[in-house]
Amino acid sequence: MPVVHVYVWTGFSNEAKRRVVSGITRVFAETGVPPEAVEIIIHEVPKENWGVGGERASERLSHVEPP
């Protein structure tokens, strides 16, 4: 049973989460894994706790909003 961890910034919309779960499940199903065996855990991390290029994402990517 695959367990997939997905890390996103806090504020990722419920619709975006639904699409991520559906898409990841579909990819595994295409390889023969039963959809009911796929587990996906979405972790929401505040931008100030996420580093990109030596800076906190809250500072470096303040103009980027999660989907």
N, C-alpha and C. Protein backbone atom coordinates (compact mmCIF):
# COMPACT_ATOMS: atom_id res chain seq x y z
N MET A 1 0.84 -1.17 0.00
CA MET A 1 0.00 0.00 0.00
C MET A 1 0.88 1.24 0.00
N PRO A 2 0.84 2.06 -1.05
CA PRO A 2 1.65 3.27 -1.07
C PRO A 2 1.07 4.34 -0.15
N VAL A 3 1.97 5.03 0.53
CA VAL A 3 1.60 6.19 1.34
C VAL A 3 2.41 7.36 0.78
N VAL A 4 1.71 8.37 0.32
CA VAL A 4 2.35 9.53 -0.30
C VAL A 4 2.16 10.74 0.61
N HIS A 5 3.26 11.42 0.92
CA HIS A 5 3.21 12.65 1.71
C HIS A 5 3.39 13.82 0.76
N VAL A 6 2.49 14.78 0.84
CA VAL A 6 2.54 15.98 0.00
C VAL A 6 2.64 17.18 0.94
N TYR A 7 3.64 18.01 0.72
CA TYR A 7 3.82 19.20 1.54
C TYR A 7 3.45 20.43 0.72
N VAL A 8 2.57 21.26 1.29
CA VAL A 8 2.11 22.47 0.62
C VAL A 8 2.10 23.61 1.63
N TRP A 9 2.03 24.83 1.11
CA TRP A 9 1.89 25.97 2.01
C TRP A 9 0.50 25.99 2.61
N THR A 10 0.40 26.51 3.80
CA THR A 10 -0.89 26.72 4.43
C THR A 10 -1.75 27.58 3.51
N GLY A 11 -3.00 27.19 3.37
CA GLY A 11 -3.91 27.95 2.52
C GLY A 11 -4.22 27.26 1.21
N PHE A 12 -3.62 26.11 0.95
CA PHE A 12 -3.93 25.32 -0.24
C PHE A 12 -5.42 25.04 -0.23
N SER A 13 -6.12 25.35 -1.28
CA SER A 13 -7.58 25.24 -1.28
C SER A 13 -8.05 23.78 -1.22
N ASN A 14 -9.25 23.59 -0.74
CA ASN A 14 -9.84 22.25 -0.69
C ASN A 14 -9.96 21.65 -2.08
N GLU A 15 -10.28 22.46 -3.07
CA GLU A 15 -10.37 21.98 -4.45
C GLU A 15 -9.00 21.52 -4.95
N ALA A 16 -7.96 22.27 -4.64
CA ALA A 16 -6.61 21.88 -5.06
C ALA A 16 -6.21 20.57 -4.37
N LYS A 17 -6.56 20.42 -3.10
CA LYS A 17 -6.27 19.18 -2.37
C LYS A 17 -7.01 18.01 -3.01
N ARG A 18 -8.25 18.23 -3.39
CA ARG A 18 -9.03 17.17 -4.04
C ARG A 18 -8.37 16.73 -5.33
N ARG A 19 -7.90 17.71 -6.12
CA ARG A 19 -7.24 17.38 -7.40
C ARG A 19 -5.93 16.64 -7.18
N VAL A 20 -5.17 17.02 -6.16
CA VAL A 20 -3.92 16.34 -5.86
C VAL A 20 -4.19 14.89 -5.47
N VAL A 21 -5.15 14.68 -4.56
CA VAL A 21 -5.48 13.32 -4.12
C VAL A 21 -5.96 12.48 -5.29
N SER A 22 -6.83 13.04 -6.10
CA SER A 22 -7.36 12.32 -7.26
C SER A 22 -6.26 11.99 -8.26
N GLY A 23 -5.40 12.96 -8.55
CA GLY A 23 -4.35 12.75 -9.53
C GLY A 23 -3.32 11.73 -9.09
N ILE A 24 -2.89 11.81 -7.85
CA ILE A 24 -1.91 10.84 -7.35
C ILE A 24 -2.52 9.45 -7.34
N THR A 25 -3.75 9.34 -6.91
CA THR A 25 -4.42 8.03 -6.89
C THR A 25 -4.52 7.47 -8.30
N ARG A 26 -4.84 8.31 -9.26
CA ARG A 26 -4.96 7.88 -10.66
C ARG A 26 -3.63 7.33 -11.19
N VAL A 27 -2.53 8.00 -10.88
CA VAL A 27 -1.22 7.55 -11.35
C VAL A 27 -0.92 6.15 -10.81
N PHE A 28 -1.17 5.93 -9.52
CA PHE A 28 -0.93 4.60 -8.97
C PHE A 28 -1.88 3.57 -9.57
N ALA A 29 -3.13 3.94 -9.77
CA ALA A 29 -4.10 3.01 -10.35
C ALA A 29 -3.66 2.60 -11.77
N GLU A 30 -3.07 3.52 -12.51
CA GLU A 30 -2.59 3.21 -13.86
C GLU A 30 -1.45 2.20 -13.85
N THR A 31 -0.79 2.06 -12.71
CA THR A 31 0.30 1.08 -12.60
C THR A 31 -0.18 -0.23 -11.96
N GLY A 32 -1.49 -0.34 -11.74
CA GLY A 32 -2.06 -1.57 -11.22
C GLY A 32 -2.33 -1.60 -9.74
N VAL A 33 -2.07 -0.51 -9.03
CA VAL A 33 -2.35 -0.46 -7.60
C VAL A 33 -3.84 -0.12 -7.43
N PRO A 34 -4.57 -0.90 -6.63
CA PRO A 34 -5.99 -0.58 -6.42
C PRO A 34 -6.13 0.80 -5.76
N PRO A 35 -7.03 1.64 -6.26
CA PRO A 35 -7.20 2.98 -5.71
C PRO A 35 -7.42 2.99 -4.20
N GLU A 36 -8.13 1.99 -3.69
CA GLU A 36 -8.42 1.96 -2.26
C GLU A 36 -7.17 1.66 -1.42
N ALA A 37 -6.09 1.26 -2.07
CA ALA A 37 -4.84 0.98 -1.35
C ALA A 37 -3.93 2.21 -1.26
N VAL A 38 -4.27 3.27 -1.98
CA VAL A 38 -3.43 4.47 -2.02
C VAL A 38 -3.83 5.42 -0.89
N GLU A 39 -2.84 5.78 -0.08
CA GLU A 39 -3.08 6.74 1.00
C GLU A 39 -2.24 7.99 0.73
N ILE A 40 -2.86 9.15 0.91
CA ILE A 40 -2.19 10.43 0.65
C ILE A 40 -2.39 11.31 1.87
N ILE A 41 -1.29 11.83 2.36
CA ILE A 41 -1.34 12.72 3.52
C ILE A 41 -0.84 14.09 3.07
N ILE A 42 -1.67 15.11 3.25
CA ILE A 42 -1.30 16.47 2.87
C ILE A 42 -0.91 17.23 4.12
N HIS A 43 0.32 17.73 4.11
CA HIS A 43 0.85 18.51 5.23
C HIS A 43 0.86 19.98 4.82
N GLU A 44 0.21 20.82 5.59
CA GLU A 44 0.23 22.25 5.31
C GLU A 44 1.28 22.91 6.20
N VAL A 45 2.21 23.62 5.58
CA VAL A 45 3.30 24.25 6.29
C VAL A 45 3.21 25.76 6.06
N PRO A 46 3.26 26.56 7.13
CA PRO A 46 3.26 28.01 6.94
C PRO A 46 4.49 28.45 6.13
N LYS A 47 4.30 29.45 5.28
CA LYS A 47 5.41 29.94 4.44
C LYS A 47 6.61 30.36 5.27
N GLU A 48 6.38 30.87 6.49
CA GLU A 48 7.51 31.31 7.31
C GLU A 48 8.33 30.13 7.83
N ASN A 49 7.81 28.91 7.71
CA ASN A 49 8.54 27.70 8.13
C ASN A 49 9.10 26.92 6.93
N TRP A 50 9.13 27.54 5.76
CA TRP A 50 9.55 26.88 4.52
C TRP A 50 10.67 27.71 3.91
N GLY A 51 11.80 27.09 3.63
CA GLY A 51 12.92 27.83 3.06
C GLY A 51 13.07 27.57 1.57
N VAL A 52 13.38 28.63 0.83
CA VAL A 52 13.62 28.54 -0.61
C VAL A 52 14.82 29.42 -0.93
N GLY A 53 15.86 28.83 -1.48
CA GLY A 53 17.03 29.61 -1.90
C GLY A 53 17.67 30.40 -0.79
N GLY A 54 17.69 29.87 0.42
CA GLY A 54 18.34 30.55 1.53
C GLY A 54 17.47 31.59 2.23
N GLU A 55 16.22 31.69 1.83
CA GLU A 55 15.30 32.64 2.46
C GLU A 55 14.02 31.93 2.86
N ARG A 56 13.29 32.53 3.78
CA ARG A 56 11.98 32.00 4.10
C ARG A 56 11.04 32.29 2.95
N ALA A 57 10.18 31.33 2.63
CA ALA A 57 9.24 31.50 1.52
C ALA A 57 8.33 32.71 1.75
N SER A 58 8.03 33.00 3.01
CA SER A 58 7.16 34.14 3.31
C SER A 58 7.79 35.46 2.87
N GLU A 59 9.11 35.51 2.82
CA GLU A 59 9.79 36.73 2.38
C GLU A 59 10.11 36.67 0.89
N ARG A 60 10.64 35.56 0.44
CA ARG A 60 11.08 35.42 -0.96
C ARG A 60 9.90 35.34 -1.94
N LEU A 61 8.84 34.66 -1.54
CA LEU A 61 7.71 34.41 -2.44
C LEU A 61 6.43 35.02 -1.89
N SER A 62 6.52 36.16 -1.28
CA SER A 62 5.35 36.77 -0.66
C SER A 62 4.23 37.08 -1.65
N HIS A 63 4.58 37.21 -2.92
CA HIS A 63 3.59 37.52 -3.96
C HIS A 63 2.87 36.28 -4.50
N VAL A 64 3.35 35.07 -4.13
CA VAL A 64 2.78 33.82 -4.65
C VAL A 64 1.74 33.29 -3.68
N GLU A 65 0.55 33.09 -4.16
CA GLU A 65 -0.54 32.54 -3.35
C GLU A 65 -0.73 31.06 -3.69
N PRO A 66 -1.03 30.22 -2.69
CA PRO A 66 -1.30 28.82 -2.98
C PRO A 66 -2.60 28.67 -3.76
N PRO A 67 -2.71 27.59 -4.55
CA PRO A 67 -3.94 27.38 -5.34
C PRO A 67 -5.14 27.10 -4.46
